[in-house]
Amino acid sequence: MEGSLKADLANATARSARLADRVRQLEERLSKALGEEIWQTSGLGPPTDITALNSRISQLEQRNVDLAHALEERQADLDAARAANRDLTHALNQKLCHISFPQMRAL
């Protein structure tokens, strides 16, 4: 019977050690999870979906480049239209200067 008690004691000691190890592991996981949650809640941690945000930043930066290029093209078109308008107005004014007053009434 003494051998049986020693075996029971050894088994109980081993089980106690395994349970203590498991409790330590669970405490570490809980501590990490709580720390992570507090870090996120406080605003000190990185956003939860940093990859999506980086992707969105890249999309917006590309859109900004595209819009800047489109604006440059529109500005060039506007400058060309203004130059054409200026030339046509100048040509019309030159033509009107060479027409006498009676001829202008006929127009």
C-alpha atoms as a PDB file:
ATOM      1  CA  MET A   1       0.000   0.000   0.000  1.00  0.00           C
ATOM      2  CA  GLU A   2       2.878   2.318   0.678  1.00  0.00           C
ATOM      3  CA  GLY A   3       4.017   1.903  -2.945  1.00  0.00           C
ATOM      4  CA  SER A   4       0.523   2.813  -4.126  1.00  0.00           C
ATOM      5  CA  LEU A   5       0.503   5.999  -2.022  1.00  0.00           C
ATOM      6  CA  LYS A   6       3.937   6.957  -3.349  1.00  0.00           C
ATOM      7  CA  ALA A   7       2.709   6.449  -6.926  1.00  0.00           C
ATOM      8  CA  ASP A   8      -0.429   8.505  -6.215  1.00  0.00           C
ATOM      9  CA  LEU A   9       1.725  11.241  -4.672  1.00  0.00           C
ATOM     10  CA  ALA A  10       4.084  11.233  -7.674  1.00  0.00           C
ATOM     11  CA  ASN A  11       1.133  11.406 -10.087  1.00  0.00           C
ATOM     12  CA  ALA A  12      -0.495  14.209  -8.091  1.00  0.00           C
ATOM     13  CA  THR A  13       2.802  16.125  -7.978  1.00  0.00           C
ATOM     14  CA  ALA A  14       3.255  15.756 -11.759  1.00  0.00           C
ATOM     15  CA  ARG A  15      -0.358  16.795 -12.393  1.00  0.00           C
ATOM     16  CA  SER A  16       0.063  19.773 -10.083  1.00  0.00           C
ATOM     17  CA  ALA A  17       3.208  20.816 -11.981  1.00  0.00           C
ATOM     18  CA  ARG A  18       1.392  20.500 -15.346  1.00  0.00           C
ATOM     19  CA  LEU A  19      -1.562  22.510 -14.066  1.00  0.00           C
ATOM     20  CA  ALA A  20       0.738  25.175 -12.606  1.00  0.00           C
ATOM     21  CA  ASP A  21       2.531  25.379 -15.989  1.00  0.00           C
ATOM     22  CA  ARG A  22      -0.795  25.690 -17.798  1.00  0.00           C
ATOM     23  CA  VAL A  23      -1.969  28.416 -15.396  1.00  0.00           C
ATOM     24  CA  ARG A  24       1.295  30.308 -16.045  1.00  0.00           C
ATOM     25  CA  GLN A  25       0.772  30.037 -19.826  1.00  0.00           C
ATOM     26  CA  LEU A  26      -2.816  31.267 -19.543  1.00  0.00           C
ATOM     27  CA  GLU A  27      -1.740  34.166 -17.305  1.00  0.00           C
ATOM     28  CA  GLU A  28       0.873  35.193 -19.904  1.00  0.00           C
ATOM     29  CA  ARG A  29      -1.698  35.046 -22.726  1.00  0.00           C
ATOM     30  CA  LEU A  30      -4.200  37.036 -20.679  1.00  0.00           C
ATOM     31  CA  SER A  31      -1.561  39.603 -19.784  1.00  0.00           C
ATOM     32  CA  LYS A  32      -0.549  40.005 -23.445  1.00  0.00           C
ATOM     33  CA  ALA A  33      -4.167  40.225 -24.596  1.00  0.00           C
ATOM     34  CA  LEU A  34      -5.045  42.838 -21.961  1.00  0.00           C
ATOM     35  CA  GLY A  35      -1.883  44.798 -22.691  1.00  0.00           C
ATOM     36  CA  GLU A  36      -2.636  44.753 -26.408  1.00  0.00           C
ATOM     37  CA  GLU A  37      -6.232  45.855 -25.814  1.00  0.00           C
ATOM     38  CA  ILE A  38      -5.181  48.704 -23.530  1.00  0.00           C
ATOM     39  CA  TRP A  39      -2.495  49.767 -26.003  1.00  0.00           C
ATOM     40  CA  GLN A  40      -5.045  49.863 -28.837  1.00  0.00           C
ATOM     41  CA  THR A  41      -7.722  51.592 -26.746  1.00  0.00           C
ATOM     42  CA  SER A  42      -5.316  54.272 -25.552  1.00  0.00           C
ATOM     43  CA  GLY A  43      -4.465  55.205 -29.129  1.00  0.00           C
ATOM     44  CA  LEU A  44      -0.798  54.413 -28.614  1.00  0.00           C
ATOM     45  CA  GLY A  45      -0.896  51.264 -30.720  1.00  0.00           C
ATOM     46  CA  PRO A  46      -0.923  51.027 -34.490  1.00  0.00           C
ATOM     47  CA  PRO A  47      -4.296  50.903 -36.231  1.00  0.00           C
ATOM     48  CA  THR A  48      -5.732  47.425 -36.443  1.00  0.00           C
ATOM     49  CA  ASP A  49      -5.630  47.268 -40.246  1.00  0.00           C
ATOM     50  CA  ILE A  50      -2.353  48.980 -41.141  1.00  0.00           C
ATOM     51  CA  THR A  51      -2.119  47.136 -44.477  1.00  0.00           C
ATOM     52  CA  ALA A  52      -5.466  48.485 -45.670  1.00  0.00           C
ATOM     53  CA  LEU A  53      -4.528  51.993 -44.572  1.00  0.00           C
ATOM     54  CA  ASN A  54      -1.168  51.818 -46.373  1.00  0.00           C
ATOM     55  CA  SER A  55      -2.963  50.612 -49.485  1.00  0.00           C
ATOM     56  CA  ARG A  56      -5.432  53.504 -49.240  1.00  0.00           C
ATOM     57  CA  ILE A  57      -2.552  55.975 -48.820  1.00  0.00           C
ATOM     58  CA  SER A  58      -0.921  54.607 -51.983  1.00  0.00           C
ATOM     59  CA  GLN A  59      -4.203  54.910 -53.895  1.00  0.00           C
ATOM     60  CA  LEU A  60      -4.692  58.496 -52.752  1.00  0.00           C
ATOM     61  CA  GLU A  61      -1.109  59.444 -53.586  1.00  0.00           C
ATOM     62  CA  GLN A  62      -1.535  58.010 -57.107  1.00  0.00           C
ATOM     63  CA  ARG A  63      -4.852  59.842 -57.486  1.00  0.00           C
ATOM     64  CA  ASN A  64      -3.118  63.044 -56.423  1.00  0.00           C
ATOM     65  CA  VAL A  65      -0.433  62.543 -59.106  1.00  0.00           C
ATOM     66  CA  ASP A  66      -3.108  61.787 -61.731  1.00  0.00           C
ATOM     67  CA  LEU A  67      -5.123  64.869 -60.792  1.00  0.00           C
ATOM     68  CA  ALA A  68      -2.039  67.081 -60.857  1.00  0.00           C
ATOM     69  CA  HIS A  69      -1.221  65.781 -64.352  1.00  0.00           C
ATOM     70  CA  ALA A  70      -4.808  66.361 -65.520  1.00  0.00           C
ATOM     71  CA  LEU A  71      -4.687  69.880 -64.093  1.00  0.00           C
ATOM     72  CA  GLU A  72      -1.474  70.607 -65.992  1.00  0.00           C
ATOM     73  CA  GLU A  73      -3.113  69.403 -69.224  1.00  0.00           C
ATOM     74  CA  ARG A  74      -6.213  71.528 -68.611  1.00  0.00           C
ATOM     75  CA  GLN A  75      -4.022  74.537 -67.856  1.00  0.00           C
ATOM     76  CA  ALA A  76      -2.122  74.010 -71.114  1.00  0.00           C
ATOM     77  CA  ASP A  77      -5.443  73.758 -73.010  1.00  0.00           C
ATOM     78  CA  LEU A  78      -6.698  76.932 -71.328  1.00  0.00           C
ATOM     79  CA  ASP A  79      -3.472  78.789 -72.146  1.00  0.00           C
ATOM     80  CA  ALA A  80      -3.742  77.693 -75.797  1.00  0.00           C
ATOM     81  CA  ALA A  81      -7.401  78.779 -75.963  1.00  0.00           C
ATOM     82  CA  ARG A  82      -6.538  82.160 -74.440  1.00  0.00           C
ATOM     83  CA  ALA A  83      -3.708  82.656 -76.932  1.00  0.00           C
ATOM     84  CA  ALA A  84      -6.018  81.741 -79.842  1.00  0.00           C
ATOM     85  CA  ASN A  85      -8.695  84.097 -78.502  1.00  0.00           C
ATOM     86  CA  ARG A  86      -6.134  86.868 -78.127  1.00  0.00           C
ATOM     87  CA  ASP A  87      -4.870  86.327 -81.714  1.00  0.00           C
ATOM     88  CA  LEU A  88      -8.394  86.253 -83.161  1.00  0.00           C
ATOM     89  CA  THR A  89      -9.399  89.362 -81.230  1.00  0.00           C
ATOM     90  CA  HIS A  90      -6.259  91.140 -82.421  1.00  0.00           C
ATOM     91  CA  ALA A  91      -6.898  90.073 -86.045  1.00  0.00           C
ATOM     92  CA  LEU A  92     -10.536  91.213 -85.819  1.00  0.00           C
ATOM     93  CA  ASN A  93      -9.490  94.564 -84.354  1.00  0.00           C
ATOM     94  CA  GLN A  94      -6.905  95.023 -87.109  1.00  0.00           C
ATOM     95  CA  LYS A  95      -9.543  94.312 -89.755  1.00  0.00           C
ATOM     96  CA  LEU A  96     -11.986  96.743 -88.135  1.00  0.00           C
ATOM     97  CA  CYS A  97      -9.351  99.479 -88.056  1.00  0.00           C
ATOM     98  CA  HIS A  98      -8.972  99.304 -91.838  1.00  0.00           C
ATOM     99  CA  ILE A  99     -12.699  99.516 -92.525  1.00  0.00           C
ATOM    100  CA  SER A 100     -14.204 102.979 -92.872  1.00  0.00           C
ATOM    101  CA  PHE A 101     -17.225 104.016 -90.842  1.00  0.00           C
ATOM    102  CA  PRO A 102     -19.781 103.599 -93.704  1.00  0.00           C
ATOM    103  CA  GLN A 103     -18.437 100.141 -94.390  1.00  0.00           C
ATOM    104  CA  MET A 104     -18.854  99.238 -90.718  1.00  0.00           C
ATOM    105  CA  ARG A 105     -22.557 100.180 -90.853  1.00  0.00           C
ATOM    106  CA  ALA A 106     -22.996  97.719 -93.693  1.00  0.00           C
ATOM    107  CA  LEU A 107     -21.651  94.923 -91.510  1.00  0.00           C
END
